Amino acid sequence: MDYLSHGQSVRSRWPNSLAGLALLISMATLSALFATSCAATALQSQSAVSSATPTPSARQHTVPLQVVQGPNGAVLAFVPITINGHGPYAFALDTGAATSLVDRTLVDQINLPVVGHVQQVTGVTGTGTARLIRLDNWSVGNVKLPTITATDLALPPSDVQSGLRGLLGSDVLSTFGAVTVDYERQQLVLRDRE
């Protein structure tokens, strides 16, 4: 499933700044958490990301993953996200992001509810404004995701044109018992909690 390229090579459409943007977004989401007085709980590495073999009682879900290597050698993994029946949209899989993030243009385009005030956020590559939004009816591949409060941020137009529409962060990934990123098979495997 090539939900990024739309007939063109993903690599040719991936901007040079995308790796820096991913770092900015990760930093922005952390800054937004502190700015809004939200507390982030440290996760045990075994429950957040695992390559352990699931027990027979745990249900597994396999989601297509698109692995892209950028011009500077940085590797990003993209997953298909559907929101309120719209999409799929390419979200970067980011286990280091405390909160998931949706591009501001997409939030406005599909009328996602804003539930928090605008906050100034700063990352290593710049400063921007973020709002808190509510995601109720959304999925990664065919796997329904939990209702969350996420962050929105205006992504640079070059990144939106390349297909990036947000980040799937550890706030969602940690709701699963195990998350396995299989780069070779280009699959994300999500195991339910037991």
C-alpha atoms as a PDB file:
ATOM      1  CA  MET A   1       0.000   0.000   0.000  1.00  0.00           C
ATOM      2  CA  ASP A   2       1.659   3.203  -1.120  1.00  0.00           C
ATOM      3  CA  TYR A   3      -0.455   5.838   0.647  1.00  0.00           C
ATOM      4  CA  LEU A   4       2.350   8.391   0.455  1.00  0.00           C
ATOM      5  CA  SER A   5       3.464   8.587  -3.117  1.00  0.00           C
ATOM      6  CA  HIS A   6       0.259   8.988  -5.141  1.00  0.00           C
ATOM      7  CA  GLY A   7       2.049   7.849  -8.272  1.00  0.00           C
ATOM      8  CA  GLN A   8       5.421   9.459  -7.544  1.00  0.00           C
ATOM      9  CA  SER A   9       8.495   8.185  -5.783  1.00  0.00           C
ATOM     10  CA  VAL A  10       8.206   8.864  -2.067  1.00  0.00           C
ATOM     11  CA  ARG A  11      11.928   9.381  -1.805  1.00  0.00           C
ATOM     12  CA  SER A  12      11.819  12.131  -4.456  1.00  0.00           C
ATOM     13  CA  ARG A  13       8.999  13.892  -2.618  1.00  0.00           C
ATOM     14  CA  TRP A  14      10.523  13.670   0.860  1.00  0.00           C
ATOM     15  CA  PRO A  15      11.922  17.097   1.759  1.00  0.00           C
ATOM     16  CA  ASN A  16      15.422  17.463   3.177  1.00  0.00           C
ATOM     17  CA  SER A  17      13.937  19.064   6.289  1.00  0.00           C
ATOM     18  CA  LEU A  18      11.683  16.130   7.246  1.00  0.00           C
ATOM     19  CA  ALA A  19      14.109  14.601   9.743  1.00  0.00           C
ATOM     20  CA  GLY A  20      14.491  18.003  11.379  1.00  0.00           C
ATOM     21  CA  LEU A  21      10.727  18.439  11.318  1.00  0.00           C
ATOM     22  CA  ALA A  22      10.217  15.110  13.067  1.00  0.00           C
ATOM     23  CA  LEU A  23      12.579  16.279  15.798  1.00  0.00           C
ATOM     24  CA  LEU A  24      10.779  19.651  15.989  1.00  0.00           C
ATOM     25  CA  ILE A  25       7.433  17.910  16.263  1.00  0.00           C
ATOM     26  CA  SER A  26       8.699  15.587  18.976  1.00  0.00           C
ATOM     27  CA  MET A  27      10.110  18.559  20.876  1.00  0.00           C
ATOM     28  CA  ALA A  28       6.933  20.559  20.233  1.00  0.00           C
ATOM     29  CA  THR A  29       4.695  17.879  21.631  1.00  0.00           C
ATOM     30  CA  LEU A  30       6.833  17.621  24.758  1.00  0.00           C
ATOM     31  CA  SER A  31       6.809  21.411  25.129  1.00  0.00           C
ATOM     32  CA  ALA A  32       3.041  21.467  24.651  1.00  0.00           C
ATOM     33  CA  LEU A  33       2.644  18.946  27.449  1.00  0.00           C
ATOM     34  CA  PHE A  34       4.669  21.083  29.833  1.00  0.00           C
ATOM     35  CA  ALA A  35       2.940  24.294  28.693  1.00  0.00           C
ATOM     36  CA  THR A  36      -0.501  22.850  29.354  1.00  0.00           C
ATOM     37  CA  SER A  37       0.556  21.335  32.695  1.00  0.00           C
ATOM     38  CA  CYS A  38      -0.059  17.798  31.489  1.00  0.00           C
ATOM     39  CA  ALA A  39       2.046  15.133  33.145  1.00  0.00           C
ATOM     40  CA  ALA A  40       3.773  12.519  31.038  1.00  0.00           C
ATOM     41  CA  THR A  41       4.229   9.150  32.707  1.00  0.00           C
ATOM     42  CA  ALA A  42       7.394   7.227  31.959  1.00  0.00           C
ATOM     43  CA  LEU A  43       6.621   3.921  30.330  1.00  0.00           C
ATOM     44  CA  GLN A  44       8.374   0.667  30.970  1.00  0.00           C
ATOM     45  CA  SER A  45      10.245  -0.265  27.838  1.00  0.00           C
ATOM     46  CA  GLN A  46       8.724  -3.746  27.838  1.00  0.00           C
ATOM     47  CA  SER A  47       5.157  -2.388  27.653  1.00  0.00           C
ATOM     48  CA  ALA A  48       5.834   0.489  25.246  1.00  0.00           C
ATOM     49  CA  VAL A  49       7.920  -1.187  22.563  1.00  0.00           C
ATOM     50  CA  SER A  50       8.638  -4.891  22.415  1.00  0.00           C
ATOM     51  CA  SER A  51       9.846  -7.504  20.021  1.00  0.00           C
ATOM     52  CA  ALA A  52       8.754 -10.324  22.331  1.00  0.00           C
ATOM     53  CA  THR A  53       6.720 -13.208  20.953  1.00  0.00           C
ATOM     54  CA  PRO A  54       3.068 -12.713  21.952  1.00  0.00           C
ATOM     55  CA  THR A  55       1.300 -15.293  24.067  1.00  0.00           C
ATOM     56  CA  PRO A  56      -1.442 -17.318  22.352  1.00  0.00           C
ATOM     57  CA  SER A  57      -4.153 -15.402  24.270  1.00  0.00           C
ATOM     58  CA  ALA A  58      -3.070 -11.992  22.956  1.00  0.00           C
ATOM     59  CA  ARG A  59      -4.630 -10.785  19.704  1.00  0.00           C
ATOM     60  CA  GLN A  60      -2.266  -9.315  17.098  1.00  0.00           C
ATOM     61  CA  HIS A  61      -3.012  -6.725  14.426  1.00  0.00           C
ATOM     62  CA  THR A  62      -0.774  -6.179  11.404  1.00  0.00           C
ATOM     63  CA  VAL A  63      -0.677  -2.758   9.768  1.00  0.00           C
ATOM     64  CA  PRO A  64       1.187  -1.837   6.560  1.00  0.00           C
ATOM     65  CA  LEU A  65       4.252   0.274   7.167  1.00  0.00           C
ATOM     66  CA  GLN A  66       6.068   2.354   4.587  1.00  0.00           C
ATOM     67  CA  VAL A  67       9.755   2.761   5.378  1.00  0.00           C
ATOM     68  CA  VAL A  68      11.419   5.744   3.735  1.00  0.00           C
ATOM     69  CA  GLN A  69      15.083   6.719   3.750  1.00  0.00           C
ATOM     70  CA  GLY A  70      15.702  10.429   3.346  1.00  0.00           C
ATOM     71  CA  PRO A  71      18.462  12.169   1.449  1.00  0.00           C
ATOM     72  CA  ASN A  72      20.621  12.427   4.598  1.00  0.00           C
ATOM     73  CA  GLY A  73      20.218   8.747   5.493  1.00  0.00           C
ATOM     74  CA  ALA A  74      17.510   9.314   8.109  1.00  0.00           C
ATOM     75  CA  VAL A  75      14.855   6.587   8.155  1.00  0.00           C
ATOM     76  CA  LEU A  76      11.184   7.238   8.886  1.00  0.00           C
ATOM     77  CA  ALA A  77       8.328   4.759   9.094  1.00  0.00           C
ATOM     78  CA  PHE A  78       4.879   5.884   7.932  1.00  0.00           C
ATOM     79  CA  VAL A  79       1.528   4.294   8.800  1.00  0.00           C
ATOM     80  CA  PRO A  80      -1.918   4.856   7.240  1.00  0.00           C
ATOM     81  CA  ILE A  81      -4.274   6.798   9.536  1.00  0.00           C
ATOM     82  CA  THR A  82      -7.994   7.245   8.886  1.00  0.00           C
ATOM     83  CA  ILE A  83      -9.856   9.953  10.842  1.00  0.00           C
ATOM     84  CA  ASN A  84     -13.657  10.200  10.848  1.00  0.00           C
ATOM     85  CA  GLY A  85     -13.803   8.206   7.605  1.00  0.00           C
ATOM     86  CA  HIS A  86     -11.271  10.478   5.845  1.00  0.00           C
ATOM     87  CA  GLY A  87      -7.915   9.254   4.600  1.00  0.00           C
ATOM     88  CA  PRO A  88      -5.777   7.307   4.782  1.00  0.00           C
ATOM     89  CA  TYR A  89      -3.214   9.928   5.707  1.00  0.00           C
ATOM     90  CA  ALA A  90       0.504   9.256   6.179  1.00  0.00           C
ATOM     91  CA  PHE A  91       1.574   9.655   9.815  1.00  0.00           C
ATOM     92  CA  ALA A  92       5.157   9.140  10.940  1.00  0.00           C
ATOM     93  CA  LEU A  93       5.464   6.423  13.561  1.00  0.00           C
ATOM     94  CA  ASP A  94       7.264   8.137  16.455  1.00  0.00           C
ATOM     95  CA  THR A  95       7.753   6.105  19.629  1.00  0.00           C
ATOM     96  CA  GLY A  96       9.688   9.043  21.102  1.00  0.00           C
ATOM     97  CA  ALA A  97       6.811  11.529  20.792  1.00  0.00           C
ATOM     98  CA  ALA A  98       4.864  11.870  24.043  1.00  0.00           C
ATOM     99  CA  THR A  99       1.683  12.862  22.200  1.00  0.00           C
ATOM    100  CA  SER A 100       0.318  12.234  18.740  1.00  0.00           C
ATOM    101  CA  LEU A 101       0.107  15.187  16.406  1.00  0.00           C
ATOM    102  CA  VAL A 102      -2.098  16.161  13.444  1.00  0.00           C
ATOM    103  CA  ASP A 103      -1.252  18.817  10.852  1.00  0.00           C
ATOM    104  CA  ARG A 104      -3.272  22.017  11.481  1.00  0.00           C
ATOM    105  CA  THR A 105      -4.481  22.149   7.860  1.00  0.00           C
ATOM    106  CA  LEU A 106      -5.928  18.639   8.169  1.00  0.00           C
ATOM    107  CA  VAL A 107      -7.547  19.483  11.531  1.00  0.00           C
ATOM    108  CA  ASP A 108      -9.307  22.440   9.932  1.00  0.00           C
ATOM    109  CA  GLN A 109     -10.122  20.561   6.710  1.00  0.00           C
ATOM    110  CA  ILE A 110     -11.981  17.719   8.446  1.00  0.00           C
ATOM    111  CA  ASN A 111     -13.292  19.878  11.326  1.00  0.00           C
ATOM    112  CA  LEU A 112     -11.680  18.123  14.273  1.00  0.00           C
ATOM    113  CA  PRO A 113     -12.767  19.611  17.622  1.00  0.00           C
ATOM    114  CA  VAL A 114     -10.294  21.945  19.319  1.00  0.00           C
ATOM    115  CA  VAL A 115     -10.449  21.328  23.077  1.00  0.00           C
ATOM    116  CA  GLY A 116      -7.512  23.388  24.374  1.00  0.00           C
ATOM    117  CA  HIS A 117      -5.986  26.818  24.072  1.00  0.00           C
ATOM    118  CA  VAL A 118      -3.271  27.802  21.625  1.00  0.00           C
ATOM    119  CA  GLN A 119       0.176  27.261  23.116  1.00  0.00           C
ATOM    120  CA  GLN A 120       3.579  28.486  21.981  1.00  0.00           C
ATOM    121  CA  VAL A 121       5.944  25.525  21.471  1.00  0.00           C
ATOM    122  CA  THR A 122       9.653  25.506  20.705  1.00  0.00           C
ATOM    123  CA  GLY A 123      11.767  22.778  19.171  1.00  0.00           C
ATOM    124  CA  VAL A 124      15.336  22.648  17.950  1.00  0.00           C
ATOM    125  CA  THR A 125      14.452  23.978  14.500  1.00  0.00           C
ATOM    126  CA  GLY A 126      11.941  26.674  15.386  1.00  0.00           C
ATOM    127  CA  THR A 127       8.863  27.900  17.230  1.00  0.00           C
ATOM    128  CA  GLY A 128       5.184  27.430  16.467  1.00  0.00           C
ATOM    129  CA  THR A 129       1.717  27.424  17.993  1.00  0.00           C
ATOM    130  CA  ALA A 130      -0.149  24.289  18.962  1.00  0.00           C
ATOM    131  CA  ARG A 131      -3.713  23.507  20.046  1.00  0.00           C
ATOM    132  CA  LEU A 132      -5.174  20.495  21.782  1.00  0.00           C
ATOM    133  CA  ILE A 133      -7.624  18.513  19.651  1.00  0.00           C
ATOM    134  CA  ARG A 134      -9.897  15.533  20.233  1.00  0.00           C
ATOM    135  CA  LEU A 135      -9.558  12.355  18.143  1.00  0.00           C
ATOM    136  CA  ASP A 136     -12.567  10.073  18.635  1.00  0.00           C
ATOM    137  CA  ASN A 137     -13.106   7.994  15.500  1.00  0.00           C
ATOM    138  CA  TRP A 138      -9.736   7.073  14.072  1.00  0.00           C
ATOM    139  CA  SER A 139      -7.681   4.046  13.124  1.00  0.00           C
ATOM    140  CA  VAL A 140      -4.260   2.897  11.971  1.00  0.00           C
ATOM    141  CA  GLY A 141      -4.839   0.518   9.087  1.00  0.00           C
ATOM    142  CA  ASN A 142      -7.906  -1.471  10.205  1.00  0.00           C
ATOM    143  CA  VAL A 143      -7.121  -1.124  13.920  1.00  0.00           C
ATOM    144  CA  LYS A 144      -9.390   1.217  15.858  1.00  0.00           C
ATOM    145  CA  LEU A 145      -7.451   3.604  18.081  1.00  0.00           C
ATOM    146  CA  PRO A 146      -8.521   4.947  21.485  1.00  0.00           C
ATOM    147  CA  THR A 147     -10.059   8.386  21.928  1.00  0.00           C
ATOM    148  CA  ILE A 148      -7.295  10.831  22.852  1.00  0.00           C
ATOM    149  CA  THR A 149      -6.452  14.485  23.189  1.00  0.00           C
ATOM    150  CA  ALA A 150      -3.703  15.175  20.656  1.00  0.00           C
ATOM    151  CA  THR A 151      -1.760  18.222  19.519  1.00  0.00           C
ATOM    152  CA  ASP A 152      -2.106  20.074  16.246  1.00  0.00           C
ATOM    153  CA  LEU A 153       0.681  22.063  14.650  1.00  0.00           C
ATOM    154  CA  ALA A 154       1.003  23.811  11.288  1.00  0.00           C
ATOM    155  CA  LEU A 155       3.469  21.651   9.382  1.00  0.00           C
ATOM    156  CA  PRO A 156       5.562  23.366   6.700  1.00  0.00           C
ATOM    157  CA  PRO A 157       3.852  23.257   3.265  1.00  0.00           C
ATOM    158  CA  SER A 158       6.750  21.244   1.788  1.00  0.00           C
ATOM    159  CA  ASP A 159       6.150  18.470   4.328  1.00  0.00           C
ATOM    160  CA  VAL A 160       2.391  18.436   3.747  1.00  0.00           C
ATOM    161  CA  GLN A 161       3.018  18.289  -0.024  1.00  0.00           C
ATOM    162  CA  SER A 162       5.294  15.303   0.562  1.00  0.00           C
ATOM    163  CA  GLY A 163       2.384  13.477   2.213  1.00  0.00           C
ATOM    164  CA  LEU A 164       3.184  13.838   5.937  1.00  0.00           C
ATOM    165  CA  ARG A 165       0.027  14.703   7.905  1.00  0.00           C
ATOM    166  CA  GLY A 166       1.018  13.918  11.482  1.00  0.00           C
ATOM    167  CA  LEU A 167       2.706  11.688  14.061  1.00  0.00           C
ATOM    168  CA  LEU A 168       1.461   8.578  15.816  1.00  0.00           C
ATOM    169  CA  GLY A 169       3.097   8.818  19.242  1.00  0.00           C
ATOM    170  CA  SER A 170       3.591   6.815  22.401  1.00  0.00           C
ATOM    171  CA  ASP A 171       0.350   8.122  23.935  1.00  0.00           C
ATOM    172  CA  VAL A 172      -1.442   5.732  21.548  1.00  0.00           C
ATOM    173  CA  LEU A 173       1.211   3.067  21.039  1.00  0.00           C
ATOM    174  CA  SER A 174       1.477   2.480  24.800  1.00  0.00           C
ATOM    175  CA  THR A 175      -2.183   1.386  24.932  1.00  0.00           C
ATOM    176  CA  PHE A 176      -1.103  -1.870  23.244  1.00  0.00           C
ATOM    177  CA  GLY A 177       0.661  -4.714  25.050  1.00  0.00           C
ATOM    178  CA  ALA A 178       3.494  -4.726  22.505  1.00  0.00           C
ATOM    179  CA  VAL A 179       4.469  -2.788  19.406  1.00  0.00           C
ATOM    180  CA  THR A 180       6.785  -4.369  16.847  1.00  0.00           C
ATOM    181  CA  VAL A 181       8.196  -2.415  13.916  1.00  0.00           C
ATOM    182  CA  ASP A 182       9.225  -4.927  11.253  1.00  0.00           C
ATOM    183  CA  TYR A 183      11.341  -2.908   8.833  1.00  0.00           C
ATOM    184  CA  GLU A 184      12.146  -5.890   6.611  1.00  0.00           C
ATOM    185  CA  ARG A 185       8.492  -6.875   6.031  1.00  0.00           C
ATOM    186  CA  GLN A 186       7.321  -3.249   6.271  1.00  0.00           C
ATOM    187  CA  GLN A 187       4.730  -4.071   8.917  1.00  0.00           C
ATOM    188  CA  LEU A 188       3.659  -2.619  12.231  1.00  0.00           C
ATOM    189  CA  VAL A 189       2.461  -5.386  14.561  1.00  0.00           C
ATOM    190  CA  LEU A 190       0.260  -4.317  17.470  1.00  0.00           C
ATOM    191  CA  ARG A 191      -0.524  -6.830  20.199  1.00  0.00           C
ATOM    192  CA  ASP A 192      -3.492  -6.230  22.498  1.00  0.00           C
ATOM    193  CA  ARG A 193      -2.917  -6.161  26.235  1.00  0.00           C
ATOM    194  CA  GLU A 194      -3.668  -9.431  27.960  1.00  0.00           C
END
